[in-house]
Structure formats: structure tokens, C-alpha cells
Amino acid sequence: MVFVHGLGFSKENMNPLFDYYRILHYVMSYDVRGHGRSDKPASWTLDDDVEDFRGIIEALDLEKLVAVGFSMGSYIALAAAEKYPDLFSKVVLIGTKGGGASSTQAIAAGGTDSSGESAVMKSVFAPQDTPGQISAFAASIASPVRLTECAARCDLQIA
């Protein structure tokens, strides 16, 4: 299994899944270009991310792997599976969407219901979870890594 993290995060964001599945499977994660400890080029595209992913798969001689992508990582995993279907046995997409003009993260951060709470966050966490618990969880998965200016402006789309 290869875990691909979301925009603004690093491979450590996938640690809860990584730790759970490593008991029964060979698992790995990596820092997507422009994130974590990876190279920080001035610009890149989704296709560059796909080619990076393919390169890792081939360099490690992996076959029929399960790709697990979160948010932006789901775009990379799906695009890689579309371009190189023989490399994958399964693709798991977490926190993805098929289209739309707004970022799910922006909606989660700014969209609120009549009670003033984020409608997205209310649907993700258990009803008994307090704002403090949600904040603590968000802090535990946040990466200290800062994006390059290009990555912060990047808006990945799959045509």
C-alpha cells in the first residue's frame, strides 16, 4: 500500500493509516513534490506528481499495489491509475470530489450552519466531540512544513 497525502501536509499526515495497516501489509508513504522534505521546484503540475508516483513505484519494483490518496493525494492516485492501470490492484480515495468551484478545505474552514459550526466538520466528527477535541486532532495532523508560494496558489484539477 502506498499512501499519498493531501495539499499542505506531508507523509506524516498519513501516519494513523500507515500505523494501522503496517501490521498486515507492506506500506509506505512519501512527501509529494513541494511538500515535506521533497524538492521545492518553482512550479509543477498534476502530471509531474503522477510521474513522481510512477517513478517511486518502479524504483521500488512494486506490483499491483493499493494506492490510498487523501484529498490532493486522491487526485494523484486516481490520475496515476488512469494513466498506468497495470500498476494498481485498488485505488482508495479519501476526501476527494469530482468537481466544483470551491475547495473542500475552504468550505470546512469557512462554511457554517445556523448554529455557527462548520457543517463539514460536524459531519466528520462524532456529535459528542468538543471543539477542543477537534482542534487537538487538527493540530496533531498538521505539518510544520510550509508550502512554497507556487504550492499555496496551486489549484489541481483533473479534466
N, C-alpha and C. Protein backbone atom coordinates (compact mmCIF):
# COMPACT_ATOMS: atom_id res chain seq x y z
N MET A 1 0.85 -1.17 0.00
CA MET A 1 0.00 0.00 0.00
C MET A 1 0.89 1.23 0.00
N VAL A 2 0.52 2.20 -0.82
CA VAL A 2 1.23 3.47 -0.83
C VAL A 2 0.23 4.56 -0.48
N PHE A 3 0.57 5.35 0.53
CA PHE A 3 -0.29 6.45 0.99
C PHE A 3 0.22 7.76 0.41
N VAL A 4 -0.71 8.54 -0.16
CA VAL A 4 -0.38 9.82 -0.77
C VAL A 4 -1.17 10.91 -0.04
N HIS A 5 -0.47 11.82 0.60
CA HIS A 5 -1.09 12.84 1.45
C HIS A 5 -1.74 13.97 0.65
N GLY A 6 -2.40 14.86 1.37
CA GLY A 6 -3.11 15.98 0.77
C GLY A 6 -2.28 17.26 0.71
N LEU A 7 -2.85 18.25 0.04
CA LEU A 7 -2.22 19.55 -0.13
C LEU A 7 -1.96 20.20 1.22
N GLY A 8 -0.73 20.69 1.40
CA GLY A 8 -0.38 21.38 2.62
C GLY A 8 0.10 20.47 3.73
N PHE A 9 0.13 19.18 3.49
CA PHE A 9 0.56 18.23 4.50
C PHE A 9 1.87 17.57 4.08
N SER A 10 2.27 16.57 4.81
CA SER A 10 3.44 15.76 4.47
C SER A 10 3.07 14.31 4.73
N LYS A 11 4.01 13.42 4.47
CA LYS A 11 3.72 11.99 4.62
C LYS A 11 3.26 11.65 6.04
N GLU A 12 3.67 12.44 7.02
CA GLU A 12 3.27 12.17 8.40
C GLU A 12 1.76 12.27 8.60
N ASN A 13 1.09 13.01 7.74
CA ASN A 13 -0.37 13.12 7.81
C ASN A 13 -1.04 11.76 7.68
N MET A 14 -0.38 10.84 7.01
CA MET A 14 -0.95 9.51 6.78
C MET A 14 -0.58 8.50 7.87
N ASN A 15 0.13 8.95 8.92
CA ASN A 15 0.60 8.03 9.96
C ASN A 15 -0.49 7.17 10.61
N PRO A 16 -1.67 7.71 10.91
CA PRO A 16 -2.67 6.83 11.53
C PRO A 16 -3.03 5.63 10.65
N LEU A 17 -3.22 5.85 9.35
CA LEU A 17 -3.50 4.74 8.44
C LEU A 17 -2.27 3.85 8.28
N PHE A 18 -1.12 4.48 8.14
CA PHE A 18 0.15 3.77 7.98
C PHE A 18 0.36 2.81 9.15
N ASP A 19 0.22 3.33 10.37
CA ASP A 19 0.45 2.51 11.56
C ASP A 19 -0.55 1.37 11.65
N TYR A 20 -1.79 1.62 11.26
CA TYR A 20 -2.82 0.58 11.33
C TYR A 20 -2.55 -0.54 10.32
N TYR A 21 -2.27 -0.18 9.07
CA TYR A 21 -2.14 -1.19 8.02
C TYR A 21 -0.77 -1.87 7.98
N ARG A 22 0.24 -1.30 8.59
CA ARG A 22 1.57 -1.92 8.53
C ARG A 22 1.64 -3.24 9.27
N ILE A 23 0.66 -3.50 10.11
CA ILE A 23 0.63 -4.77 10.85
C ILE A 23 0.44 -5.94 9.89
N LEU A 24 -0.38 -5.76 8.87
CA LEU A 24 -0.70 -6.85 7.95
C LEU A 24 -0.17 -6.66 6.52
N HIS A 25 0.30 -5.46 6.19
CA HIS A 25 0.68 -5.16 4.81
C HIS A 25 2.04 -4.46 4.76
N TYR A 26 2.67 -4.53 3.59
CA TYR A 26 3.84 -3.71 3.33
C TYR A 26 3.30 -2.34 2.95
N VAL A 27 3.65 -1.30 3.70
CA VAL A 27 3.11 0.03 3.45
C VAL A 27 4.24 1.05 3.33
N MET A 28 3.94 2.11 2.62
CA MET A 28 4.88 3.22 2.52
C MET A 28 4.11 4.50 2.25
N SER A 29 4.74 5.62 2.55
CA SER A 29 4.21 6.92 2.18
C SER A 29 5.41 7.77 1.78
N TYR A 30 5.13 8.86 1.12
CA TYR A 30 6.21 9.73 0.66
C TYR A 30 5.72 11.17 0.66
N ASP A 31 6.66 12.10 0.65
CA ASP A 31 6.32 13.51 0.54
C ASP A 31 6.14 13.86 -0.93
N VAL A 32 4.95 14.32 -1.27
CA VAL A 32 4.66 14.74 -2.63
C VAL A 32 5.51 15.98 -2.95
N ARG A 33 5.87 16.13 -4.19
CA ARG A 33 6.68 17.26 -4.65
C ARG A 33 6.16 18.58 -4.06
N GLY A 34 7.08 19.38 -3.54
CA GLY A 34 6.72 20.67 -2.96
C GLY A 34 6.26 20.59 -1.52
N HIS A 35 6.23 19.41 -0.93
CA HIS A 35 5.74 19.21 0.42
C HIS A 35 6.79 18.46 1.24
N GLY A 36 6.69 18.62 2.57
CA GLY A 36 7.56 17.86 3.45
C GLY A 36 9.03 18.06 3.13
N ARG A 37 9.75 16.96 3.01
CA ARG A 37 11.19 17.02 2.73
C ARG A 37 11.50 16.85 1.24
N SER A 38 10.48 16.94 0.39
CA SER A 38 10.70 16.78 -1.04
C SER A 38 11.29 18.05 -1.65
N ASP A 39 11.67 17.94 -2.92
CA ASP A 39 12.17 19.10 -3.65
C ASP A 39 11.09 20.17 -3.71
N LYS A 40 11.52 21.44 -3.80
CA LYS A 40 10.61 22.57 -3.86
C LYS A 40 10.83 23.35 -5.17
N PRO A 41 10.39 22.76 -6.29
CA PRO A 41 10.57 23.47 -7.56
C PRO A 41 9.69 24.72 -7.62
N ALA A 42 9.98 25.60 -8.56
CA ALA A 42 9.21 26.84 -8.71
C ALA A 42 7.78 26.55 -9.15
N SER A 43 7.59 25.51 -9.94
CA SER A 43 6.24 25.13 -10.38
C SER A 43 6.24 23.67 -10.80
N TRP A 44 5.05 23.09 -10.81
CA TRP A 44 4.87 21.72 -11.26
C TRP A 44 3.39 21.49 -11.51
N THR A 45 3.08 20.35 -12.10
CA THR A 45 1.71 20.03 -12.48
C THR A 45 1.27 18.72 -11.85
N LEU A 46 0.00 18.43 -11.98
CA LEU A 46 -0.52 17.14 -11.52
C LEU A 46 0.19 16.01 -12.27
N ASP A 47 0.46 16.20 -13.55
CA ASP A 47 1.15 15.15 -14.30
C ASP A 47 2.56 14.91 -13.74
N ASP A 48 3.23 15.97 -13.28
CA ASP A 48 4.54 15.79 -12.64
C ASP A 48 4.40 14.93 -11.38
N ASP A 49 3.34 15.19 -10.60
CA ASP A 49 3.09 14.38 -9.40
C ASP A 49 2.83 12.92 -9.76
N VAL A 50 2.08 12.71 -10.83
CA VAL A 50 1.80 11.34 -11.29
C VAL A 50 3.09 10.64 -11.70
N GLU A 51 3.94 11.34 -12.43
CA GLU A 51 5.21 10.74 -12.87
C GLU A 51 6.13 10.47 -11.68
N ASP A 52 6.11 11.35 -10.69
CA ASP A 52 6.88 11.09 -9.46
C ASP A 52 6.39 9.80 -8.80
N PHE A 53 5.07 9.66 -8.70
CA PHE A 53 4.47 8.47 -8.08
C PHE A 53 4.86 7.22 -8.85
N ARG A 54 4.74 7.27 -10.17
CA ARG A 54 5.12 6.14 -11.02
C ARG A 54 6.61 5.82 -10.82
N GLY A 55 7.43 6.83 -10.75
CA GLY A 55 8.86 6.62 -10.57
C GLY A 55 9.19 5.91 -9.26
N ILE A 56 8.48 6.28 -8.21
CA ILE A 56 8.67 5.61 -6.91
C ILE A 56 8.26 4.15 -7.01
N ILE A 57 7.12 3.91 -7.63
CA ILE A 57 6.61 2.53 -7.79
C ILE A 57 7.62 1.68 -8.56
N GLU A 58 8.13 2.23 -9.65
CA GLU A 58 9.07 1.47 -10.48
C GLU A 58 10.42 1.31 -9.79
N ALA A 59 10.89 2.35 -9.11
CA ALA A 59 12.19 2.26 -8.43
C ALA A 59 12.17 1.19 -7.33
N LEU A 60 11.03 1.02 -6.69
CA LEU A 60 10.91 0.02 -5.62
C LEU A 60 10.40 -1.32 -6.14
N ASP A 61 10.19 -1.39 -7.45
CA ASP A 61 9.73 -2.62 -8.10
C ASP A 61 8.45 -3.17 -7.47
N LEU A 62 7.50 -2.26 -7.23
CA LEU A 62 6.23 -2.64 -6.64
C LEU A 62 5.26 -3.08 -7.74
N GLU A 63 4.42 -4.05 -7.42
CA GLU A 63 3.46 -4.56 -8.40
C GLU A 63 2.07 -4.59 -7.80
N LYS A 64 1.10 -4.25 -8.61
CA LYS A 64 -0.32 -4.35 -8.24
C LYS A 64 -0.58 -3.82 -6.83
N LEU A 65 -0.11 -2.62 -6.59
CA LEU A 65 -0.24 -2.06 -5.26
C LEU A 65 -1.61 -1.42 -5.04
N VAL A 66 -1.89 -1.16 -3.80
CA VAL A 66 -3.09 -0.42 -3.41
C VAL A 66 -2.63 1.01 -3.15
N ALA A 67 -3.19 1.96 -3.89
CA ALA A 67 -2.89 3.37 -3.69
C ALA A 67 -4.00 3.96 -2.83
N VAL A 68 -3.60 4.66 -1.77
CA VAL A 68 -4.55 5.32 -0.88
C VAL A 68 -4.22 6.81 -0.91
N GLY A 69 -5.11 7.58 -1.51
CA GLY A 69 -4.88 9.01 -1.63
C GLY A 69 -5.86 9.81 -0.81
N PHE A 70 -5.35 10.83 -0.11
CA PHE A 70 -6.18 11.72 0.69
C PHE A 70 -6.20 13.10 0.04
N SER A 71 -7.38 13.63 -0.23
CA SER A 71 -7.56 14.96 -0.78
C SER A 71 -6.74 15.10 -2.07
N MET A 72 -5.75 16.01 -2.11
CA MET A 72 -4.93 16.15 -3.30
C MET A 72 -4.28 14.81 -3.68
N GLY A 73 -3.92 14.02 -2.68
CA GLY A 73 -3.33 12.70 -2.93
C GLY A 73 -4.29 11.79 -3.68
N SER A 74 -5.60 12.00 -3.48
CA SER A 74 -6.58 11.19 -4.22
C SER A 74 -6.57 11.57 -5.69
N TYR A 75 -6.34 12.84 -6.00
CA TYR A 75 -6.24 13.25 -7.41
C TYR A 75 -5.02 12.59 -8.06
N ILE A 76 -3.91 12.57 -7.30
CA ILE A 76 -2.68 11.97 -7.82
C ILE A 76 -2.88 10.47 -8.02
N ALA A 77 -3.45 9.79 -7.03
CA ALA A 77 -3.66 8.34 -7.12
C ALA A 77 -4.60 8.00 -8.28
N LEU A 78 -5.69 8.74 -8.41
CA LEU A 78 -6.64 8.47 -9.48
C LEU A 78 -6.04 8.73 -10.85
N ALA A 79 -5.34 9.85 -10.99
CA ALA A 79 -4.72 10.15 -12.28
C ALA A 79 -3.64 9.12 -12.63
N ALA A 80 -2.89 8.66 -11.63
CA ALA A 80 -1.87 7.63 -11.87
C ALA A 80 -2.52 6.33 -12.31
N ALA A 81 -3.62 5.97 -11.65
CA ALA A 81 -4.32 4.72 -12.01
C ALA A 81 -4.94 4.81 -13.39
N GLU A 82 -5.39 5.99 -13.78
CA GLU A 82 -5.94 6.16 -15.13
C GLU A 82 -4.84 6.04 -16.18
N LYS A 83 -3.67 6.60 -15.88
CA LYS A 83 -2.57 6.60 -16.84
C LYS A 83 -1.81 5.27 -16.86
N TYR A 84 -1.69 4.63 -15.70
CA TYR A 84 -0.92 3.38 -15.57
C TYR A 84 -1.75 2.33 -14.83
N PRO A 85 -2.85 1.87 -15.40
CA PRO A 85 -3.75 0.96 -14.68
C PRO A 85 -3.11 -0.35 -14.26
N ASP A 86 -2.11 -0.81 -14.98
CA ASP A 86 -1.49 -2.10 -14.65
C ASP A 86 -0.65 -2.06 -13.37
N LEU A 87 -0.37 -0.86 -12.86
CA LEU A 87 0.44 -0.75 -11.65
C LEU A 87 -0.37 -0.97 -10.38
N PHE A 88 -1.70 -0.92 -10.49
CA PHE A 88 -2.54 -0.89 -9.29
C PHE A 88 -3.53 -2.05 -9.24
N SER A 89 -3.77 -2.55 -8.02
CA SER A 89 -4.84 -3.52 -7.83
C SER A 89 -6.09 -2.82 -7.32
N LYS A 90 -5.88 -1.76 -6.53
CA LYS A 90 -7.00 -0.98 -5.99
C LYS A 90 -6.55 0.46 -5.80
N VAL A 91 -7.53 1.35 -5.83
CA VAL A 91 -7.28 2.76 -5.52
C VAL A 91 -8.34 3.19 -4.52
N VAL A 92 -7.89 3.72 -3.39
CA VAL A 92 -8.79 4.18 -2.35
C VAL A 92 -8.69 5.70 -2.31
N LEU A 93 -9.84 6.37 -2.47
CA LEU A 93 -9.87 7.83 -2.49
C LEU A 93 -10.55 8.33 -1.23
N ILE A 94 -9.85 9.18 -0.49
CA ILE A 94 -10.37 9.72 0.76
C ILE A 94 -10.42 11.25 0.64
N GLY A 95 -11.57 11.82 0.92
CA GLY A 95 -11.68 13.28 0.91
C GLY A 95 -11.50 13.86 -0.47
N THR A 96 -12.01 13.18 -1.46
CA THR A 96 -11.89 13.68 -2.82
C THR A 96 -13.23 14.24 -3.27
N LYS A 97 -13.25 14.84 -4.43
CA LYS A 97 -14.51 15.27 -5.02
C LYS A 97 -14.36 15.27 -6.52
N GLY A 98 -15.46 15.13 -7.19
CA GLY A 98 -15.44 15.02 -8.64
C GLY A 98 -15.39 16.32 -9.38
N GLY A 99 -15.61 17.41 -8.72
CA GLY A 99 -15.59 18.69 -9.40
C GLY A 99 -16.11 19.77 -8.47
N GLY A 100 -16.28 20.94 -9.01
CA GLY A 100 -16.78 22.04 -8.20
C GLY A 100 -15.81 23.19 -8.21
N ALA A 101 -16.32 24.34 -7.83
CA ALA A 101 -15.51 25.55 -7.89
C ALA A 101 -14.85 25.90 -6.58
N SER A 102 -15.19 25.22 -5.50
CA SER A 102 -14.62 25.59 -4.22
C SER A 102 -13.88 24.42 -3.59
N SER A 103 -12.89 24.78 -2.81
CA SER A 103 -12.08 23.80 -2.09
C SER A 103 -12.86 23.25 -0.91
N THR A 104 -12.80 21.95 -0.69
CA THR A 104 -13.44 21.35 0.47
C THR A 104 -12.83 21.90 1.74
N GLN A 105 -11.51 22.15 1.74
CA GLN A 105 -10.87 22.72 2.93
C GLN A 105 -11.40 24.12 3.20
N ALA A 106 -11.64 24.90 2.15
CA ALA A 106 -12.18 26.25 2.35
C ALA A 106 -13.58 26.18 2.92
N ILE A 107 -14.37 25.25 2.44
CA ILE A 107 -15.73 25.09 2.97
C ILE A 107 -15.67 24.69 4.43
N ALA A 108 -14.78 23.74 4.76
CA ALA A 108 -14.65 23.29 6.15
C ALA A 108 -14.21 24.42 7.06
N ALA A 109 -13.34 25.26 6.55
CA ALA A 109 -12.81 26.35 7.37
C ALA A 109 -13.81 27.50 7.51
N GLY A 110 -14.57 27.77 6.45
CA GLY A 110 -15.41 28.95 6.47
C GLY A 110 -16.90 28.72 6.44
N GLY A 111 -17.36 27.60 5.95
CA GLY A 111 -18.80 27.36 5.83
C GLY A 111 -19.40 26.94 7.16
N THR A 112 -20.40 27.66 7.62
CA THR A 112 -21.02 27.31 8.88
C THR A 112 -22.52 27.14 8.71
N ASP A 113 -23.12 26.42 9.64
CA ASP A 113 -24.57 26.26 9.62
C ASP A 113 -25.20 27.31 10.54
N SER A 114 -26.50 27.19 10.80
CA SER A 114 -27.21 28.20 11.60
C SER A 114 -26.69 28.29 13.04
N SER A 115 -26.04 27.23 13.54
CA SER A 115 -25.51 27.26 14.91
C SER A 115 -24.12 27.89 14.95
N GLY A 116 -23.57 28.23 13.77
CA GLY A 116 -22.24 28.81 13.72
C GLY A 116 -21.13 27.79 13.64
N GLU A 117 -21.49 26.51 13.58
CA GLU A 117 -20.48 25.46 13.48
C GLU A 117 -20.29 25.04 12.03
N SER A 118 -19.09 24.61 11.71
CA SER A 118 -18.80 24.14 10.36
C SER A 118 -19.64 22.91 10.05
N ALA A 119 -20.44 22.99 9.01
CA ALA A 119 -21.29 21.85 8.63
C ALA A 119 -20.44 20.65 8.23
N VAL A 120 -19.33 20.91 7.57
CA VAL A 120 -18.45 19.81 7.15
C VAL A 120 -17.85 19.14 8.38
N MET A 121 -17.34 19.93 9.31
CA MET A 121 -16.71 19.36 10.50
C MET A 121 -17.72 18.59 11.34
N LYS A 122 -18.95 19.07 11.41
CA LYS A 122 -19.97 18.36 12.18
C LYS A 122 -20.26 17.00 11.56
N SER A 123 -20.15 16.89 10.25
CA SER A 123 -20.43 15.61 9.61
C SER A 123 -19.25 14.66 9.69
N VAL A 124 -18.05 15.17 9.94
CA VAL A 124 -16.85 14.35 10.00
C VAL A 124 -16.63 13.77 11.40
N PHE A 125 -16.86 14.57 12.42
CA PHE A 125 -16.60 14.16 13.79
C PHE A 125 -17.87 13.68 14.47
N ALA A 126 -17.70 12.92 15.53
CA ALA A 126 -18.84 12.41 16.30
C ALA A 126 -19.54 13.58 16.99
N PRO A 127 -20.86 13.47 17.18
CA PRO A 127 -21.62 14.57 17.81
C PRO A 127 -21.09 14.97 19.19
N GLN A 128 -20.55 14.03 19.92
CA GLN A 128 -20.06 14.34 21.27
C GLN A 128 -18.67 14.97 21.28
N ASP A 129 -17.99 15.02 20.13
CA ASP A 129 -16.66 15.63 20.08
C ASP A 129 -16.76 17.13 20.32
N THR A 130 -15.92 17.63 21.21
CA THR A 130 -15.93 19.05 21.55
C THR A 130 -15.05 19.82 20.57
N PRO A 131 -15.24 21.13 20.47
CA PRO A 131 -14.33 21.93 19.63
C PRO A 131 -12.87 21.74 20.03
N GLY A 132 -12.62 21.58 21.34
CA GLY A 132 -11.25 21.36 21.79
C GLY A 132 -10.67 20.06 21.27
N GLN A 133 -11.47 19.00 21.24
CA GLN A 133 -11.01 17.71 20.70
C GLN A 133 -10.73 17.82 19.20
N ILE A 134 -11.60 18.52 18.52
CA ILE A 134 -11.40 18.70 17.07
C ILE A 134 -10.14 19.51 16.81
N SER A 135 -9.92 20.57 17.57
CA SER A 135 -8.71 21.39 17.42
C SER A 135 -7.46 20.57 17.73
N ALA A 136 -7.53 19.75 18.77
CA ALA A 136 -6.37 18.92 19.13
C ALA A 136 -6.06 17.93 18.02
N PHE A 137 -7.11 17.34 17.41
CA PHE A 137 -6.88 16.43 16.30
C PHE A 137 -6.24 17.16 15.13
N ALA A 138 -6.79 18.33 14.79
CA ALA A 138 -6.23 19.11 13.67
C ALA A 138 -4.77 19.45 13.92
N ALA A 139 -4.45 19.82 15.16
CA ALA A 139 -3.06 20.14 15.49
C ALA A 139 -2.16 18.92 15.40
N SER A 140 -2.70 17.74 15.72
CA SER A 140 -1.88 16.53 15.70
C SER A 140 -1.52 16.07 14.30
N ILE A 141 -2.33 16.45 13.30
CA ILE A 141 -2.03 16.03 11.93
C ILE A 141 -1.42 17.14 11.09
N ALA A 142 -1.38 18.34 11.63
CA ALA A 142 -0.83 19.47 10.86
C ALA A 142 0.67 19.29 10.69
N SER A 143 1.13 19.63 9.53
CA SER A 143 2.55 19.53 9.23
C SER A 143 3.24 20.85 9.54
N PRO A 144 4.43 20.83 10.13
CA PRO A 144 5.17 22.07 10.33
C PRO A 144 5.75 22.60 9.02
N VAL A 145 5.62 21.81 7.97
CA VAL A 145 6.18 22.17 6.67
C VAL A 145 5.35 23.29 6.07
N ARG A 146 5.99 24.28 5.51
CA ARG A 146 5.30 25.36 4.84
C ARG A 146 5.42 25.17 3.34
N LEU A 147 4.34 25.46 2.65
CA LEU A 147 4.33 25.31 1.19
C LEU A 147 5.13 26.41 0.51
N THR A 148 5.62 26.10 -0.67
CA THR A 148 6.22 27.13 -1.50
C THR A 148 5.09 28.03 -1.97
N GLU A 149 5.43 29.19 -2.47
CA GLU A 149 4.40 30.12 -2.97
C GLU A 149 3.59 29.46 -4.08
N CYS A 150 4.26 28.71 -4.94
CA CYS A 150 3.57 28.03 -6.04
C CYS A 150 2.56 27.02 -5.51
N ALA A 151 2.96 26.22 -4.53
CA ALA A 151 2.07 25.22 -4.00
C ALA A 151 0.86 25.83 -3.31
N ALA A 152 1.08 26.96 -2.65
CA ALA A 152 -0.03 27.62 -1.98
C ALA A 152 -1.06 28.14 -2.98
N ARG A 153 -0.61 28.51 -4.18
CA ARG A 153 -1.52 29.02 -5.22
C ARG A 153 -2.08 27.91 -6.08
N CYS A 154 -1.52 26.72 -5.96
CA CYS A 154 -1.85 25.62 -6.85
C CYS A 154 -3.31 25.20 -6.71
N ASP A 155 -3.98 24.99 -7.82
CA ASP A 155 -5.37 24.52 -7.83
C ASP A 155 -5.42 23.34 -8.79
N LEU A 156 -5.26 22.14 -8.25
CA LEU A 156 -5.22 20.95 -9.09
C LEU A 156 -6.59 20.60 -9.61
N GLN A 157 -6.68 20.33 -10.89
CA GLN A 157 -7.93 19.91 -11.49
C GLN A 157 -7.65 18.76 -12.45
N ILE A 158 -8.57 17.83 -12.51
CA ILE A 158 -8.47 16.75 -13.47
C ILE A 158 -9.53 16.97 -14.52
N ALA A 159 -9.10 17.07 -15.75
CA ALA A 159 -10.06 17.32 -16.83
C ALA A 159 -10.72 16.04 -17.26
